C-alpha atoms as a PDB file:
ATOM      1  CA  MET A   1       7.103   8.926 -21.671  1.00  0.00           C
ATOM      2  CA  ASN A   2      10.041   9.147 -19.219  1.00  0.00           C
ATOM      3  CA  GLU A   3       8.523   7.654 -16.188  1.00  0.00           C
ATOM      4  CA  THR A   4      10.491   6.042 -13.394  1.00  0.00           C
ATOM      5  CA  LEU A   5       9.320   2.363 -13.305  1.00  0.00           C
ATOM      6  CA  LEU A   6      10.422   0.168 -10.417  1.00  0.00           C
ATOM      7  CA  THR A   7       9.988  -3.255  -8.763  1.00  0.00           C
ATOM      8  CA  VAL A   8      10.195  -3.125  -5.004  1.00  0.00           C
ATOM      9  CA  VAL A   9      10.298  -6.100  -2.617  1.00  0.00           C
ATOM     10  CA  GLY A  10       9.202  -5.488   1.003  1.00  0.00           C
ATOM     11  CA  ASN A  11       6.699  -6.112   3.891  1.00  0.00           C
ATOM     12  CA  VAL A  12       3.171  -4.459   4.130  1.00  0.00           C
ATOM     13  CA  ALA A  13       3.404  -2.026   6.893  1.00  0.00           C
ATOM     14  CA  THR A  14      -0.172  -0.824   7.167  1.00  0.00           C
ATOM     15  CA  THR A  15      -3.744  -2.486   6.607  1.00  0.00           C
ATOM     16  CA  PRO A  16      -4.746  -1.490   2.976  1.00  0.00           C
ATOM     17  CA  VAL A  17      -7.224   1.296   3.037  1.00  0.00           C
ATOM     18  CA  TYR A  18      -9.936   0.921   0.521  1.00  0.00           C
ATOM     19  CA  ARG A  19     -12.111   3.610  -0.923  1.00  0.00           C
ATOM     20  CA  GLU A  20     -14.719   3.572  -3.605  1.00  0.00           C
ATOM     21  CA  LEU A  21     -14.321   6.818  -5.605  1.00  0.00           C
ATOM     22  CA  PRO A  22     -16.220   8.288  -8.400  1.00  0.00           C
ATOM     23  CA  THR A  23     -13.251   7.324 -10.616  1.00  0.00           C
ATOM     24  CA  GLY A  24     -13.310   3.779  -9.363  1.00  0.00           C
ATOM     25  CA  PRO A  25     -11.932   1.745  -6.477  1.00  0.00           C
ATOM     26  CA  VAL A  26      -8.562   2.760  -4.950  1.00  0.00           C
ATOM     27  CA  ALA A  27      -6.539   0.963  -2.262  1.00  0.00           C
ATOM     28  CA  ARG A  28      -3.474   2.219  -0.448  1.00  0.00           C
ATOM     29  CA  PHE A  29      -1.016   0.849   1.992  1.00  0.00           C
ATOM     30  CA  ARG A  30       2.522   1.495   3.290  1.00  0.00           C
ATOM     31  CA  LEU A  31       5.320  -0.647   2.259  1.00  0.00           C
ATOM     32  CA  ALA A  32       8.489  -1.166   4.297  1.00  0.00           C
ATOM     33  CA  VAL A  33      11.678  -1.910   2.327  1.00  0.00           C
ATOM     34  CA  THR A  34      14.801  -2.875   4.465  1.00  0.00           C
ATOM     35  CA  PRO A  35      17.912  -4.195   2.532  1.00  0.00           C
ATOM     36  CA  ARG A  36      19.931  -7.005   4.426  1.00  0.00           C
ATOM     37  CA  ARG A  37      23.522  -7.846   3.918  1.00  0.00           C
ATOM     38  CA  PHE A  38      25.759 -10.393   5.450  1.00  0.00           C
ATOM     39  CA  ASP A  39      28.634  -8.876   7.603  1.00  0.00           C
ATOM     40  CA  ALA A  40      31.523 -11.247   7.284  1.00  0.00           C
ATOM     41  CA  VAL A  41      33.421  -9.580  10.078  1.00  0.00           C
ATOM     42  CA  GLN A  42      30.676  -9.981  12.587  1.00  0.00           C
ATOM     43  CA  ASN A  43      29.387 -13.303  10.848  1.00  0.00           C
ATOM     44  CA  THR A  44      25.836 -12.108  10.979  1.00  0.00           C
ATOM     45  CA  TRP A  45      23.082 -10.488   8.864  1.00  0.00           C
ATOM     46  CA  VAL A  46      22.757  -6.708   9.235  1.00  0.00           C
ATOM     47  CA  ASP A  47      19.639  -4.588   8.352  1.00  0.00           C
ATOM     48  CA  GLY A  48      20.072  -1.475   6.413  1.00  0.00           C
ATOM     49  CA  HIS A  49      17.970   1.747   6.422  1.00  0.00           C
ATOM     50  CA  THR A  50      14.294   1.150   6.139  1.00  0.00           C
ATOM     51  CA  ASN A  51      12.525   3.035   3.308  1.00  0.00           C
ATOM     52  CA  PHE A  52       8.743   3.497   3.326  1.00  0.00           C
ATOM     53  CA  PHE A  53       6.646   3.823   0.163  1.00  0.00           C
ATOM     54  CA  THR A  54       2.815   4.585  -0.098  1.00  0.00           C
ATOM     55  CA  VAL A  55       1.445   2.197  -2.565  1.00  0.00           C
ATOM     56  CA  TRP A  56      -1.705   3.248  -4.555  1.00  0.00           C
ATOM     57  CA  ALA A  57      -3.656   0.460  -6.477  1.00  0.00           C
ATOM     58  CA  LYS A  58      -6.481   1.487  -8.635  1.00  0.00           C
ATOM     59  CA  GLY A  59      -9.437  -0.303 -10.256  1.00  0.00           C
ATOM     60  CA  MET A  60      -9.674  -4.127  -9.985  1.00  0.00           C
ATOM     61  CA  LEU A  61      -6.056  -4.225  -8.671  1.00  0.00           C
ATOM     62  CA  GLY A  62      -7.180  -1.974  -5.649  1.00  0.00           C
ATOM     63  CA  SER A  63     -10.131  -4.368  -4.868  1.00  0.00           C
ATOM     64  CA  ASN A  64      -7.861  -7.315  -5.077  1.00  0.00           C
ATOM     65  CA  VAL A  65      -5.192  -5.726  -2.841  1.00  0.00           C
ATOM     66  CA  GLN A  66      -7.933  -5.169  -0.315  1.00  0.00           C
ATOM     67  CA  GLY A  67      -9.000  -8.767  -0.405  1.00  0.00           C
ATOM     68  CA  SER A  68      -5.414 -10.185  -0.534  1.00  0.00           C
ATOM     69  CA  VAL A  69      -2.799  -8.196   1.454  1.00  0.00           C
ATOM     70  CA  SER A  70      -2.498  -7.938   5.240  1.00  0.00           C
ATOM     71  CA  ILE A  71       0.060  -6.224   7.561  1.00  0.00           C
ATOM     72  CA  GLY A  72       3.481  -7.888   7.651  1.00  0.00           C
ATOM     73  CA  GLU A  73       3.088  -9.961   4.522  1.00  0.00           C
ATOM     74  CA  PRO A  74       6.052  -9.988   1.936  1.00  0.00           C
ATOM     75  CA  VAL A  75       5.002  -8.553  -1.404  1.00  0.00           C
ATOM     76  CA  ILE A  76       6.459  -7.578  -4.670  1.00  0.00           C
ATOM     77  CA  VAL A  77       5.101  -4.069  -6.061  1.00  0.00           C
ATOM     78  CA  GLN A  78       5.677  -3.024  -9.526  1.00  0.00           C
ATOM     79  CA  GLY A  79       4.638   0.473 -10.662  1.00  0.00           C
ATOM     80  CA  ARG A  80       5.544   4.094 -11.327  1.00  0.00           C
ATOM     81  CA  LEU A  81       7.508   6.081  -8.689  1.00  0.00           C
ATOM     82  CA  LYS A  82       6.078   9.534  -7.692  1.00  0.00           C
ATOM     83  CA  VAL A  83       8.123  11.678  -5.293  1.00  0.00           C
ATOM     84  CA  ARG A  84       6.249  14.588  -3.644  1.00  0.00           C
ATOM     85  CA  ASP A  85       7.537  17.493  -1.692  1.00  0.00           C
ATOM     86  CA  GLU A  86       5.187  19.843   0.059  1.00  0.00           C
ATOM     87  CA  GLU A  87       4.949  22.344   2.915  1.00  0.00           C
ATOM     88  CA  ARG A  88       2.305  21.676   5.586  1.00  0.00           C
ATOM     89  CA  GLY A  89       1.985  23.833   8.717  1.00  0.00           C
ATOM     90  CA  GLY A  90       5.404  25.297   8.120  1.00  0.00           C
ATOM     91  CA  GLN A  91       7.203  21.905   7.836  1.00  0.00           C
ATOM     92  CA  HIS A  92       8.628  20.337   4.730  1.00  0.00           C
ATOM     93  CA  TRP A  93       7.334  16.827   3.835  1.00  0.00           C
ATOM     94  CA  THR A  94       8.607  14.412   1.324  1.00  0.00           C
ATOM     95  CA  SER A  95       6.961  11.197   0.273  1.00  0.00           C
ATOM     96  CA  ALA A  96       7.590   8.458  -2.153  1.00  0.00           C
ATOM     97  CA  ASP A  97       4.432   6.990  -3.722  1.00  0.00           C
ATOM     98  CA  ILE A  98       4.158   4.062  -6.139  1.00  0.00           C
ATOM     99  CA  GLN A  99       1.289   3.827  -8.594  1.00  0.00           C
ATOM    100  CA  ALA A 100       1.069   0.204  -8.673  1.00  0.00           C
ATOM    101  CA  THR A 101       0.535  -1.749 -11.885  1.00  0.00           C
ATOM    102  CA  SER A 102       1.192  -5.192 -10.176  1.00  0.00           C
ATOM    103  CA  VAL A 103       1.129  -6.362  -6.502  1.00  0.00           C
ATOM    104  CA  GLY A 104       1.811  -9.902  -5.449  1.00  0.00           C
ATOM    105  CA  HIS A 105       3.030 -12.062  -2.621  1.00  0.00           C
ATOM    106  CA  ASP A 106       6.828 -12.769  -2.522  1.00  0.00           C
ATOM    107  CA  LEU A 107       6.723 -16.652  -2.943  1.00  0.00           C
ATOM    108  CA  SER A 108      10.382 -16.912  -2.152  1.00  0.00           C
ATOM    109  CA  ARG A 109       9.223 -16.322   1.512  1.00  0.00           C
ATOM    110  CA  GLY A 110       6.046 -18.241   1.658  1.00  0.00           C
ATOM    111  CA  THR A 111       3.066 -19.696  -0.164  1.00  0.00           C
ATOM    112  CA  SER A 112      -0.132 -18.226  -1.447  1.00  0.00           C
ATOM    113  CA  ALA A 113      -3.270 -19.379  -3.050  1.00  0.00           C
ATOM    114  CA  PHE A 114      -4.578 -17.430  -6.113  1.00  0.00           C
ATOM    115  CA  ARG A 115      -8.393 -16.995  -6.555  1.00  0.00           C
ATOM    116  CA  ARG A 116      -9.679 -15.446  -9.737  1.00  0.00           C
ATOM    117  CA  THR A 117     -12.184 -12.566  -9.100  1.00  0.00           C
ATOM    118  CA  ARG A 118     -15.234 -12.409 -11.122  1.00  0.00           C
ATOM    119  CA  GLY A 119     -17.660  -9.372 -11.311  1.00  0.00           C
ATOM    120  CA  THR A 120     -16.944  -5.653 -10.677  1.00  0.00           C
ATOM    121  CA  GLY A 121     -14.431  -4.209  -8.379  1.00  0.00           C
ATOM    122  CA  GLN A 122     -17.183  -3.139  -6.047  1.00  0.00           C
ATOM    123  CA  GLN A 123     -18.443  -6.656  -5.822  1.00  0.00           C
ATOM    124  CA  ALA A 124     -14.928  -7.945  -5.169  1.00  0.00           C
ATOM    125  CA  ALA A 125     -14.456  -5.292  -2.472  1.00  0.00           C
ATOM    126  CA  GLN A 126     -17.728  -6.234  -0.836  1.00  0.00           C
ATOM    127  CA  GLN A 127     -16.728  -9.896  -0.776  1.00  0.00           C
ATOM    128  CA  ALA A 128     -13.304  -8.991   0.732  1.00  0.00           C
ATOM    129  CA  ALA A 129     -14.927  -6.804   3.312  1.00  0.00           C
ATOM    130  CA  GLN A 130     -17.427  -9.648   4.227  1.00  0.00           C
ATOM    131  CA  GLN A 131     -14.484 -12.026   4.680  1.00  0.00           C
ATOM    132  CA  ALA A 132     -12.698  -9.522   6.765  1.00  0.00           C
ATOM    133  CA  ALA A 133     -15.725  -9.020   8.988  1.00  0.00           C
ATOM    134  CA  GLN A 134     -16.157 -12.713   9.497  1.00  0.00           C
ATOM    135  CA  GLN A 135     -12.527 -12.950  10.642  1.00  0.00           C
ATOM    136  CA  GLY A 136     -12.933 -10.141  12.919  1.00  0.00           C
ATOM    137  CA  LEU A 137     -10.518  -7.707  11.083  1.00  0.00           C
ATOM    138  CA  GLN A 138     -11.087  -3.894  11.203  1.00  0.00           C
ATOM    139  CA  GLU A 139      -9.368  -1.093   9.548  1.00  0.00           C
ATOM    140  CA  PRO A 140      -6.980   0.983  11.885  1.00  0.00           C
ATOM    141  CA  SER A 141      -8.597   4.094  13.113  1.00  0.00           C
ATOM    142  CA  PHE A 142      -5.317   6.204  12.696  1.00  0.00           C
ATOM    143  CA  GLU A 143      -5.919   5.993   8.888  1.00  0.00           C
ATOM    144  CA  ILE A 144      -9.523   6.305   8.418  1.00  0.00           C
ATOM    145  CA  GLU A 145     -11.687   9.393   8.799  1.00  0.00           C
ATOM    146  CA  PRO A 146     -15.056   9.045  10.484  1.00  0.00           C
ATOM    147  CA  ASP A 147     -17.625   8.119   7.858  1.00  0.00           C
ATOM    148  CA  THR A 148     -19.890  11.138   7.096  1.00  0.00           C
ATOM    149  CA  GLY A 149     -21.542   9.456   4.133  1.00  0.00           C
ATOM    150  CA  ALA A 150     -19.609  11.803   1.700  1.00  0.00           C
ATOM    151  CA  ARG A 151     -17.236  10.160  -0.812  1.00  0.00           C
ATOM    152  CA  GLN A 152     -13.719  11.454  -0.899  1.00  0.00           C
ATOM    153  CA  THR A 153     -12.052  12.268  -4.090  1.00  0.00           C
ATOM    154  CA  GLU A 154      -8.582  11.107  -5.152  1.00  0.00           C
ATOM    155  CA  SER A 155      -7.111  14.433  -4.532  1.00  0.00           C
ATOM    156  CA  GLU A 156      -8.552  14.502  -0.909  1.00  0.00           C
ATOM    157  CA  LEU A 157      -6.857  11.095  -0.245  1.00  0.00           C
ATOM    158  CA  VAL A 158      -3.580  12.270  -1.649  1.00  0.00           C
ATOM    159  CA  SER A 159      -3.655  15.428   0.715  1.00  0.00           C
ATOM    160  CA  GLU A 160      -3.570  13.332   3.697  1.00  0.00           C
ATOM    161  CA  PRO A 161      -0.253  13.167   5.430  1.00  0.00           C
ATOM    162  CA  VAL A 162       1.742  10.078   4.342  1.00  0.00           C
ATOM    163  CA  GLY A 163       5.384  10.986   4.793  1.00  0.00           C
ATOM    164  CA  GLY A 164       7.273  12.634   7.511  1.00  0.00           C
ATOM    165  CA  PRO A 165       8.859  15.976   8.162  1.00  0.00           C
ATOM    166  CA  VAL A 166      12.197  16.444   6.520  1.00  0.00           C
ATOM    167  CA  GLY A 167      14.960  18.363   7.867  1.00  0.00           C
END
């Protein structure tokens, strides 16, 4: 298969949103990637254009992302690139998604402690949710629909606006 595989280094821009779907657990978060270069003329570091990617992690990876990744943390994401173009409400939207195969902290910028998970993805997610509740963490309301008791399908999650208007 001719898929675009990539490795991206950046910072977590949104709290991971976790869902338990009929096909298994899924987590998603936005990743901000800003290149930096040294400008010898100004003798300072200069930031380039920031690109944003929506990272999708399925299965046990999604459960582990939920329990391990927080806003602002430097991460390395490896996966398949999917670029989507769509029309919504008369506007053209383009978004770049990464179907993650691996997600980890960037240890060149800090330390991390690895904990092996045991059990199912649902158990790991429940443990992560309990830990987050103990720490007083809540998911942001701008990304989460009110819980109606109905489970969302992956296609419903994908249809949520994740990019910005182009043009």
